[in-house]
Amino acid sequence: MTVVKTYNNDEALQNDINKLKDVNIDPSNVFVLSHDDDRTARIVEHTDYSGIDYNNKDLGQKFDKQGDELRAKLQELGLSKEQAEENEEKMDEGKVFLIVKDDKAKEVLG
């Protein structure tokens, strides 16, 4: 199951990432995505968790636009095409996404 949570507040996102570590969710199942690569990197760097995938550029294909790339990544993580489009539009508004491919995340993230 894929759990998706949207954030405006970077500190709240960092706190939730640390909670995922506390319940031993594998960092390879944790993804942070936004339109701002630098912001996303800072968020991940300010957590106690290493190995988190954020704004991964290695999808095996080239994209002309960042939005296309992010939608592809969202679909790769288990979201439908419609969900990917809707969530990428929220990224346009400055939101950051925490995506976790582990059922335990639902309990932690609510």
C-alpha atoms as a PDB file:
ATOM      1  CA  MET A   1       0.000   0.000   0.000  1.00  0.00           C
ATOM      2  CA  THR A   2       1.234   3.477  -0.861  1.00  0.00           C
ATOM      3  CA  VAL A   3       0.623   6.238   1.696  1.00  0.00           C
ATOM      4  CA  VAL A   4       0.748   9.838   0.454  1.00  0.00           C
ATOM      5  CA  LYS A   5       0.748  12.914   2.680  1.00  0.00           C
ATOM      6  CA  THR A   6       0.996  16.557   1.587  1.00  0.00           C
ATOM      7  CA  TYR A   7       2.863  19.252   3.507  1.00  0.00           C
ATOM      8  CA  ASN A   8       3.212  23.019   3.504  1.00  0.00           C
ATOM      9  CA  ASN A   9       5.417  23.005   6.597  1.00  0.00           C
ATOM     10  CA  ASP A  10       8.892  21.518   6.180  1.00  0.00           C
ATOM     11  CA  GLU A  11       9.380  21.009   9.917  1.00  0.00           C
ATOM     12  CA  ALA A  12       6.179  18.937  10.195  1.00  0.00           C
ATOM     13  CA  LEU A  13       7.399  16.797   7.292  1.00  0.00           C
ATOM     14  CA  GLN A  14      10.797  16.297   8.929  1.00  0.00           C
ATOM     15  CA  ASN A  15       9.102  15.270  12.193  1.00  0.00           C
ATOM     16  CA  ASP A  16       6.950  12.719  10.359  1.00  0.00           C
ATOM     17  CA  ILE A  17       9.998  11.290   8.579  1.00  0.00           C
ATOM     18  CA  ASN A  18      11.683  10.813  11.956  1.00  0.00           C
ATOM     19  CA  LYS A  19       8.541   9.025  13.221  1.00  0.00           C
ATOM     20  CA  LEU A  20       8.822   6.627  10.271  1.00  0.00           C
ATOM     21  CA  LYS A  21      12.379   5.841  11.348  1.00  0.00           C
ATOM     22  CA  ASP A  22      11.157   5.191  14.903  1.00  0.00           C
ATOM     23  CA  VAL A  23       8.859   2.407  13.635  1.00  0.00           C
ATOM     24  CA  ASN A  24      11.663   0.942  11.490  1.00  0.00           C
ATOM     25  CA  ILE A  25      10.243   1.675   8.053  1.00  0.00           C
ATOM     26  CA  ASP A  26      12.954   0.960   5.516  1.00  0.00           C
ATOM     27  CA  PRO A  27      14.255   4.272   4.082  1.00  0.00           C
ATOM     28  CA  SER A  28      14.181   2.762   0.587  1.00  0.00           C
ATOM     29  CA  ASN A  29      10.373   2.850   0.910  1.00  0.00           C
ATOM     30  CA  VAL A  30      10.311   6.569   1.796  1.00  0.00           C
ATOM     31  CA  PHE A  31      10.143   9.230  -0.924  1.00  0.00           C
ATOM     32  CA  VAL A  32      10.017  13.028  -0.719  1.00  0.00           C
ATOM     33  CA  LEU A  33       8.989  14.944  -3.845  1.00  0.00           C
ATOM     34  CA  SER A  34       8.505  18.605  -4.711  1.00  0.00           C
ATOM     35  CA  HIS A  35       9.187  21.048  -7.529  1.00  0.00           C
ATOM     36  CA  ASP A  36      12.112  22.551  -5.587  1.00  0.00           C
ATOM     37  CA  ASP A  37      15.047  20.131  -5.597  1.00  0.00           C
ATOM     38  CA  ASP A  38      17.057  22.237  -3.132  1.00  0.00           C
ATOM     39  CA  ARG A  39      14.172  22.471  -0.664  1.00  0.00           C
ATOM     40  CA  THR A  40      13.552  18.741  -0.877  1.00  0.00           C
ATOM     41  CA  ALA A  41      17.235  17.984  -0.286  1.00  0.00           C
ATOM     42  CA  ARG A  42      17.292  20.308   2.753  1.00  0.00           C
ATOM     43  CA  ILE A  43      14.227  18.599   4.235  1.00  0.00           C
ATOM     44  CA  VAL A  44      15.793  15.159   3.929  1.00  0.00           C
ATOM     45  CA  GLU A  45      19.167  16.371   5.229  1.00  0.00           C
ATOM     46  CA  HIS A  46      17.480  17.713   8.373  1.00  0.00           C
ATOM     47  CA  THR A  47      16.102  14.309   9.357  1.00  0.00           C
ATOM     48  CA  ASP A  48      17.759  11.462  11.232  1.00  0.00           C
ATOM     49  CA  TYR A  49      17.124   9.142   8.277  1.00  0.00           C
ATOM     50  CA  SER A  50      19.618   8.324   5.554  1.00  0.00           C
ATOM     51  CA  GLY A  51      18.814   6.546   2.307  1.00  0.00           C
ATOM     52  CA  ILE A  52      15.580   8.402   1.535  1.00  0.00           C
ATOM     53  CA  ASP A  53      14.818   8.867  -2.167  1.00  0.00           C
ATOM     54  CA  TYR A  54      14.005  12.449  -3.059  1.00  0.00           C
ATOM     55  CA  ASN A  55      13.383  13.943  -6.481  1.00  0.00           C
ATOM     56  CA  ASN A  56      15.171  10.976  -8.037  1.00  0.00           C
ATOM     57  CA  LYS A  57      16.305  11.839 -11.552  1.00  0.00           C
ATOM     58  CA  ASP A  58      16.969   8.234 -12.550  1.00  0.00           C
ATOM     59  CA  LEU A  59      13.713   7.035 -14.089  1.00  0.00           C
ATOM     60  CA  GLY A  60      15.468   5.570 -17.091  1.00  0.00           C
ATOM     61  CA  GLN A  61      14.027   8.184 -19.427  1.00  0.00           C
ATOM     62  CA  LYS A  62      14.509  11.859 -20.170  1.00  0.00           C
ATOM     63  CA  PHE A  63      11.841  14.493 -19.604  1.00  0.00           C
ATOM     64  CA  ASP A  64      11.550  17.956 -21.092  1.00  0.00           C
ATOM     65  CA  LYS A  65       9.619  19.293 -18.114  1.00  0.00           C
ATOM     66  CA  GLN A  66       9.971  18.671 -14.399  1.00  0.00           C
ATOM     67  CA  GLY A  67       6.196  18.218 -14.092  1.00  0.00           C
ATOM     68  CA  ASP A  68       6.290  15.296 -16.530  1.00  0.00           C
ATOM     69  CA  GLU A  69       9.100  13.740 -14.545  1.00  0.00           C
ATOM     70  CA  LEU A  70       7.321  14.133 -11.210  1.00  0.00           C
ATOM     71  CA  ARG A  71       4.074  12.681 -12.593  1.00  0.00           C
ATOM     72  CA  ALA A  72       6.032   9.685 -13.912  1.00  0.00           C
ATOM     73  CA  LYS A  73       7.677   9.221 -10.511  1.00  0.00           C
ATOM     74  CA  LEU A  74       4.299   9.380  -8.746  1.00  0.00           C
ATOM     75  CA  GLN A  75       2.911   6.737 -11.082  1.00  0.00           C
ATOM     76  CA  GLU A  76       6.022   4.608 -10.567  1.00  0.00           C
ATOM     77  CA  LEU A  77       5.272   4.790  -6.825  1.00  0.00           C
ATOM     78  CA  GLY A  78       1.779   3.386  -7.299  1.00  0.00           C
ATOM     79  CA  LEU A  79      -0.488   6.367  -7.903  1.00  0.00           C
ATOM     80  CA  SER A  80      -2.948   6.394 -10.778  1.00  0.00           C
ATOM     81  CA  LYS A  81      -2.406   8.767 -13.692  1.00  0.00           C
ATOM     82  CA  GLU A  82      -5.215  10.990 -12.357  1.00  0.00           C
ATOM     83  CA  GLN A  83      -3.766  11.026  -8.821  1.00  0.00           C
ATOM     84  CA  ALA A  84      -0.322  11.813 -10.216  1.00  0.00           C
ATOM     85  CA  GLU A  85      -1.679  14.758 -12.222  1.00  0.00           C
ATOM     86  CA  GLU A  86      -3.664  16.100  -9.261  1.00  0.00           C
ATOM     87  CA  ASN A  87      -0.711  15.811  -6.881  1.00  0.00           C
ATOM     88  CA  GLU A  88       1.754  17.343  -9.330  1.00  0.00           C
ATOM     89  CA  GLU A  89      -0.577  20.365  -9.581  1.00  0.00           C
ATOM     90  CA  LYS A  90      -0.355  20.688  -5.779  1.00  0.00           C
ATOM     91  CA  MET A  91       3.441  20.699  -6.120  1.00  0.00           C
ATOM     92  CA  ASP A  92       3.015  23.658  -8.483  1.00  0.00           C
ATOM     93  CA  GLU A  93       1.480  25.450  -5.466  1.00  0.00           C
ATOM     94  CA  GLY A  94       4.571  24.756  -3.335  1.00  0.00           C
ATOM     95  CA  LYS A  95       3.448  21.631  -1.539  1.00  0.00           C
ATOM     96  CA  VAL A  96       5.860  18.816  -0.689  1.00  0.00           C
ATOM     97  CA  PHE A  97       4.862  15.155  -0.722  1.00  0.00           C
ATOM     98  CA  LEU A  98       5.883  12.329   1.567  1.00  0.00           C
ATOM     99  CA  ILE A  99       5.208   8.990  -0.083  1.00  0.00           C
ATOM    100  CA  VAL A 100       5.740   5.747   1.802  1.00  0.00           C
ATOM    101  CA  LYS A 101       5.408   2.245   0.420  1.00  0.00           C
ATOM    102  CA  ASP A 102       4.758   0.493   3.742  1.00  0.00           C
ATOM    103  CA  ASP A 103       1.459  -0.249   5.506  1.00  0.00           C
ATOM    104  CA  LYS A 104       2.885   0.804   8.897  1.00  0.00           C
ATOM    105  CA  ALA A 105       3.103   4.385   7.614  1.00  0.00           C
ATOM    106  CA  LYS A 106      -0.681   4.723   7.698  1.00  0.00           C
ATOM    107  CA  GLU A 107      -0.644   4.324  11.492  1.00  0.00           C
ATOM    108  CA  VAL A 108       2.209   6.808  11.905  1.00  0.00           C
ATOM    109  CA  LEU A 109       1.003   9.463   9.448  1.00  0.00           C
ATOM    110  CA  GLY A 110      -2.716   9.164  10.166  1.00  0.00           C
END
